[in-house]
N, C-alpha and C. Protein backbone atom coordinates (compact mmCIF):
# COMPACT_ATOMS: atom_id res chain seq x y z
N UNK A 1 0.83 -1.02 -0.11
CA UNK A 1 0.17 -0.02 0.00
C UNK A 1 0.76 1.12 -0.28
N UNK A 2 0.52 2.08 -0.93
CA UNK A 2 1.23 3.37 -0.94
C UNK A 2 0.76 4.33 0.01
N UNK A 3 1.56 4.89 0.82
CA UNK A 3 1.20 6.02 1.87
C UNK A 3 0.45 7.18 1.34
N UNK A 4 -0.63 7.72 2.02
CA UNK A 4 -1.38 8.74 1.65
C UNK A 4 -0.74 10.03 0.99
N UNK A 5 0.48 10.37 1.50
CA UNK A 5 1.17 11.66 1.22
C UNK A 5 1.92 11.46 -0.10
N UNK A 6 2.29 10.09 -0.39
CA UNK A 6 3.07 9.78 -1.57
C UNK A 6 2.36 9.17 -2.51
N UNK A 7 1.75 9.63 -3.48
CA UNK A 7 0.86 8.74 -4.51
C UNK A 7 1.90 8.09 -5.41
N UNK A 8 2.98 8.58 -5.51
CA UNK A 8 3.84 7.87 -6.64
C UNK A 8 5.12 7.97 -6.11
N UNK A 9 5.47 6.61 -5.80
CA UNK A 9 6.90 6.47 -5.15
C UNK A 9 8.09 6.78 -6.14
N UNK A 10 8.00 6.54 -7.30
CA UNK A 10 9.10 6.82 -8.23
C UNK A 10 9.12 8.06 -9.10
N UNK A 11 7.93 8.93 -8.53
CA UNK A 11 7.47 10.07 -9.63
C UNK A 11 8.83 11.06 -9.71
N UNK A 12 9.61 11.29 -8.78
CA UNK A 12 10.59 12.25 -8.61
C UNK A 12 11.67 11.77 -9.63
N UNK A 13 12.02 10.44 -9.53
CA UNK A 13 13.10 9.94 -10.43
C UNK A 13 12.48 10.10 -11.80
N UNK A 14 11.29 9.85 -12.22
CA UNK A 14 10.82 9.61 -13.51
C UNK A 14 10.61 10.99 -13.87
N UNK A 15 10.36 12.19 -13.24
CA UNK A 15 10.34 13.51 -13.60
C UNK A 15 11.83 13.95 -13.98
N UNK A 16 12.88 13.60 -13.00
CA UNK A 16 13.94 14.00 -13.27
C UNK A 16 14.64 13.28 -14.64
N UNK A 17 14.24 12.05 -14.85
CA UNK A 17 14.64 11.65 -16.11
C UNK A 17 14.11 12.22 -17.33
N UNK A 18 12.71 12.60 -17.03
CA UNK A 18 11.86 13.33 -18.53
C UNK A 18 12.76 14.86 -18.27
N UNK A 19 13.09 15.49 -17.38
CA UNK A 19 13.61 16.94 -17.44
C UNK A 19 15.02 16.55 -18.18
N UNK A 20 15.75 15.67 -17.70
CA UNK A 20 17.09 15.38 -18.56
C UNK A 20 17.00 15.05 -19.94
N UNK A 21 16.01 14.38 -20.29
CA UNK A 21 15.37 14.22 -21.90
C UNK A 21 15.16 15.48 -22.21
N UNK A 22 14.40 16.17 -21.92
CA UNK A 22 14.07 17.42 -22.51
C UNK A 22 15.43 18.37 -22.68
N UNK A 23 16.39 18.43 -21.62
CA UNK A 23 17.58 19.21 -21.69
C UNK A 23 18.27 18.56 -22.85
N UNK A 24 18.48 17.28 -22.81
CA UNK A 24 19.34 16.57 -23.64
C UNK A 24 18.88 16.95 -25.06
N UNK A 25 17.61 16.87 -25.37
CA UNK A 25 16.96 16.98 -26.59
C UNK A 25 16.93 18.30 -27.34
N UNK A 26 17.05 19.27 -26.21
CA UNK A 26 17.13 20.67 -26.73
C UNK A 26 18.63 21.21 -27.06
N UNK A 27 19.55 20.55 -26.34
CA UNK A 27 20.89 20.91 -26.58
C UNK A 27 21.43 20.55 -27.93
N UNK A 28 21.91 21.32 -28.80
CA UNK A 28 22.62 21.10 -30.23
C UNK A 28 23.37 20.01 -30.02
N UNK A 29 23.30 19.24 -31.01
CA UNK A 29 24.20 18.06 -31.18
C UNK A 29 25.68 18.24 -30.88
N UNK A 30 26.12 19.44 -31.37
CA UNK A 30 27.61 19.72 -31.07
C UNK A 30 27.94 19.95 -29.58
N UNK A 31 27.10 20.30 -28.80
CA UNK A 31 27.22 20.51 -27.45
C UNK A 31 26.84 19.48 -26.53
N UNK A 32 26.14 18.24 -27.13
CA UNK A 32 25.88 17.14 -26.22
C UNK A 32 27.09 16.55 -25.42
N UNK A 33 28.32 16.72 -26.25
CA UNK A 33 29.39 15.93 -25.28
C UNK A 33 29.59 16.46 -23.96
N UNK A 34 29.21 17.69 -23.83
CA UNK A 34 29.50 18.25 -22.57
C UNK A 34 28.51 17.81 -21.49
N UNK A 35 27.31 17.06 -21.82
CA UNK A 35 26.31 16.49 -20.80
C UNK A 35 26.41 14.86 -20.87
N UNK A 36 27.20 14.33 -21.68
CA UNK A 36 26.98 12.98 -22.18
C UNK A 36 27.37 12.38 -20.70
N UNK A 37 27.75 12.56 -19.75
CA UNK A 37 27.98 11.57 -18.50
C UNK A 37 26.88 12.21 -17.31
N UNK A 38 25.93 12.85 -17.59
CA UNK A 38 25.08 13.50 -16.71
C UNK A 38 23.83 12.07 -16.40
N UNK A 39 23.69 12.10 -15.12
CA UNK A 39 22.73 11.23 -14.70
C UNK A 39 21.42 11.86 -14.08
N UNK A 40 21.42 13.04 -13.99
CA UNK A 40 20.13 13.80 -13.76
C UNK A 40 20.11 14.98 -14.22
N UNK A 41 19.10 15.76 -14.19
CA UNK A 41 18.69 17.03 -15.01
C UNK A 41 19.76 17.86 -14.30
N UNK A 42 19.87 18.00 -13.01
CA UNK A 42 20.80 18.95 -12.42
C UNK A 42 22.16 18.77 -12.92
N UNK A 43 22.77 17.61 -12.68
CA UNK A 43 23.89 17.19 -13.40
C UNK A 43 24.25 17.93 -14.72
N UNK A 44 23.15 17.51 -15.59
CA UNK A 44 23.38 18.10 -16.93
C UNK A 44 23.38 19.60 -17.05
N UNK A 45 22.63 20.34 -16.19
CA UNK A 45 22.58 21.71 -16.10
C UNK A 45 23.87 22.37 -15.59
N UNK A 46 24.42 21.71 -14.57
CA UNK A 46 25.60 22.32 -13.84
C UNK A 46 26.81 22.08 -14.83
N UNK A 47 26.68 20.78 -15.81
CA UNK A 47 27.76 20.72 -16.77
C UNK A 47 27.92 21.63 -17.64
N UNK A 48 26.66 22.04 -18.10
CA UNK A 48 26.47 23.12 -19.06
C UNK A 48 26.95 24.46 -18.62
N UNK A 49 26.48 25.01 -17.45
CA UNK A 49 26.92 25.94 -16.85
C UNK A 49 28.41 26.13 -16.54
N UNK A 50 29.13 25.08 -16.19
CA UNK A 50 30.33 25.11 -16.04
C UNK A 50 31.11 25.34 -17.33
N UNK A 51 30.47 24.82 -18.65
CA UNK A 51 31.17 24.82 -19.74
C UNK A 51 31.01 26.56 -20.34
N UNK A 52 29.84 26.88 -20.09
CA UNK A 52 29.50 28.07 -20.97
C UNK A 52 29.45 29.35 -20.22
N UNK A 53 29.30 29.26 -18.86
CA UNK A 53 29.41 30.44 -18.03
C UNK A 53 30.65 30.65 -17.25
N UNK A 54 31.72 30.27 -17.74
CA UNK A 54 33.04 30.45 -17.04
C UNK A 54 33.61 31.75 -17.62
N UNK A 55 34.24 32.50 -16.41
CA UNK A 55 34.64 33.67 -16.70
C UNK A 55 36.22 33.63 -17.14
N UNK A 56 36.15 33.18 -18.18
CA UNK A 56 37.63 33.08 -18.93
C UNK A 56 37.82 34.39 -20.03
N UNK A 57 39.07 34.55 -20.22
CA UNK A 57 39.48 35.73 -21.08
C UNK A 57 38.72 35.54 -22.45
N UNK A 58 38.57 34.27 -22.78
CA UNK A 58 37.90 33.86 -24.23
C UNK A 58 36.36 34.35 -24.06
N UNK A 59 35.88 33.75 -23.04
CA UNK A 59 34.48 34.11 -22.93
C UNK A 59 34.06 35.52 -22.79
N UNK A 60 34.89 36.41 -21.96
CA UNK A 60 35.01 37.70 -21.97
C UNK A 60 35.00 38.46 -23.42
N UNK A 61 36.00 38.01 -24.09
CA UNK A 61 36.33 38.76 -25.37
C UNK A 61 34.91 38.41 -26.24
N UNK A 62 34.52 37.00 -26.29
CA UNK A 62 33.49 36.79 -27.20
C UNK A 62 32.13 37.63 -26.88
N UNK A 63 31.78 37.92 -25.56
CA UNK A 63 30.65 38.35 -25.17
C UNK A 63 30.97 40.06 -25.46
N UNK A 64 32.01 40.51 -25.03
CA UNK A 64 32.26 41.90 -25.33
C UNK A 64 32.23 42.19 -26.92
N UNK A 65 32.84 41.33 -27.77
CA UNK A 65 32.70 41.51 -29.13
C UNK A 65 31.28 41.49 -29.46
N UNK A 66 30.36 40.59 -29.09
CA UNK A 66 29.00 40.34 -29.41
C UNK A 66 28.41 41.70 -29.16
N UNK A 67 28.67 42.39 -27.85
CA UNK A 67 28.09 43.60 -27.63
C UNK A 67 28.46 44.64 -28.34
N UNK A 68 29.70 44.97 -28.87
CA UNK A 68 30.41 45.97 -29.90
C UNK A 68 29.69 45.91 -31.21
N UNK A 69 29.61 44.85 -31.44
CA UNK A 69 29.05 44.36 -32.83
C UNK A 69 27.56 44.24 -33.06
N UNK A 70 26.86 44.81 -31.77
CA UNK A 70 25.38 44.62 -31.81
C UNK A 70 24.95 45.75 -32.47
N UNK A 71 23.59 45.31 -33.04
CA UNK A 71 22.94 46.49 -33.95
C UNK A 71 21.81 45.79 -34.25
N UNK A 72 20.80 46.92 -34.65
CA UNK A 72 19.49 46.20 -35.01
C UNK A 72 19.49 45.84 -36.68
N UNK A 73 19.01 45.01 -36.89
CA UNK A 73 18.92 44.30 -38.12
C UNK A 73 17.65 44.91 -38.85
N UNK A 74 17.71 45.15 -40.24
CA UNK A 74 16.81 45.76 -40.99
C UNK A 74 15.57 44.80 -40.90
N UNK A 75 14.41 45.17 -40.74
CA UNK A 75 13.34 44.35 -40.76
C UNK A 75 12.94 43.53 -39.39
N UNK A 76 13.70 44.01 -38.39
CA UNK A 76 13.51 43.15 -37.13
C UNK A 76 12.75 44.18 -36.33
N UNK A 77 11.73 43.40 -35.80
CA UNK A 77 11.13 44.03 -34.53
C UNK A 77 11.71 44.68 -33.54
N UNK A 78 11.32 45.80 -32.89
CA UNK A 78 12.09 46.46 -31.94
C UNK A 78 12.01 45.72 -30.71
N UNK A 79 11.07 45.08 -30.37
CA UNK A 79 10.91 44.06 -29.20
C UNK A 79 11.98 42.97 -29.36
N UNK A 80 12.07 42.39 -30.62
CA UNK A 80 13.19 41.35 -30.74
C UNK A 80 14.42 41.94 -30.51
N UNK A 81 14.69 43.24 -31.09
CA UNK A 81 15.90 43.71 -30.75
C UNK A 81 16.20 44.03 -29.15
N UNK A 82 15.39 44.47 -28.42
CA UNK A 82 15.47 44.57 -26.98
C UNK A 82 15.77 43.41 -26.29
N UNK A 83 15.06 42.32 -26.85
CA UNK A 83 15.48 41.19 -26.18
C UNK A 83 16.80 40.53 -26.27
N UNK A 84 17.31 40.65 -27.49
CA UNK A 84 18.86 40.33 -27.83
C UNK A 84 19.56 41.11 -27.17
N UNK A 85 19.41 42.41 -26.86
CA UNK A 85 20.31 43.26 -26.39
C UNK A 85 20.11 42.78 -24.63
N UNK A 86 18.98 42.44 -23.92
CA UNK A 86 19.00 42.08 -22.68
C UNK A 86 19.69 40.51 -22.26
N UNK A 87 19.55 39.78 -23.51
CA UNK A 87 20.36 38.59 -23.46
C UNK A 87 21.75 38.87 -23.33
N UNK A 88 22.28 39.91 -24.22
CA UNK A 88 23.89 40.09 -24.10
C UNK A 88 24.13 40.72 -22.71
N UNK A 89 23.41 41.47 -22.15
CA UNK A 89 23.54 42.11 -20.71
C UNK A 89 23.61 41.00 -19.74
N UNK A 90 22.64 40.10 -19.82
CA UNK A 90 22.64 39.17 -18.88
C UNK A 90 23.99 38.17 -19.08
N UNK A 91 24.55 38.01 -20.31
CA UNK A 91 25.59 37.27 -20.39
C UNK A 91 26.76 37.96 -19.98
N UNK A 92 26.79 39.27 -19.88
CA UNK A 92 27.91 40.07 -19.52
C UNK A 92 28.04 40.25 -17.78
N UNK A 93 26.86 40.07 -17.15
CA UNK A 93 26.59 39.83 -16.04
C UNK A 93 27.12 38.66 -15.33
N UNK A 94 26.82 37.61 -16.17
CA UNK A 94 27.18 36.11 -15.93
C UNK A 94 28.93 36.03 -15.70
N UNK A 95 29.38 36.74 -16.81
CA UNK A 95 30.82 36.57 -16.74
C UNK A 95 31.67 37.50 -15.87
N UNK A 96 30.73 38.18 -15.23
CA UNK A 96 31.28 39.17 -14.04
C UNK A 96 31.68 40.95 -14.71
N UNK A 97 31.10 41.05 -15.72
CA UNK A 97 31.39 42.26 -16.51
C UNK A 97 30.05 42.95 -16.67
N UNK A 98 29.31 43.50 -15.48
CA UNK A 98 27.92 43.90 -15.62
C UNK A 98 28.29 45.36 -16.29
N UNK A 99 27.20 45.82 -17.08
CA UNK A 99 27.33 46.83 -17.97
C UNK A 99 26.78 48.16 -16.78
N UNK A 100 27.41 49.30 -16.95
CA UNK A 100 26.88 50.33 -16.11
C UNK A 100 25.68 51.03 -16.59
N UNK A 101 25.14 51.92 -16.07
CA UNK A 101 24.10 52.70 -16.39
C UNK A 101 24.29 53.55 -17.73
N UNK A 102 25.56 53.95 -18.03
CA UNK A 102 25.95 54.69 -19.10
C UNK A 102 25.47 53.86 -20.58
N UNK A 103 25.82 52.56 -20.46
CA UNK A 103 25.24 51.70 -21.70
C UNK A 103 24.03 51.44 -21.76
N UNK A 104 23.38 51.35 -20.55
CA UNK A 104 21.83 51.03 -20.47
C UNK A 104 21.03 52.04 -20.78
């Protein structure tokens, strides 16, 4: 008999495997090598963060270059442009290079 408080004994493990499958399915084939050894969704997420959110000189240069080359493409909606800029701002903050109010 299953206790009243826990209707599904293995639901957490099942849900974690589903989440791992979603993450693995959404990751580009090129980058799946980074999560190959993951056994849980949290493991795969941590592995991706370690690979892509590192504060290395290379990552800082890539994100800074992305910021300096950023411009609104012809025919792009303004809302899309703002979302892309917000993504770059978030990347800058992630690598420890937040933009000051002058840029925002």
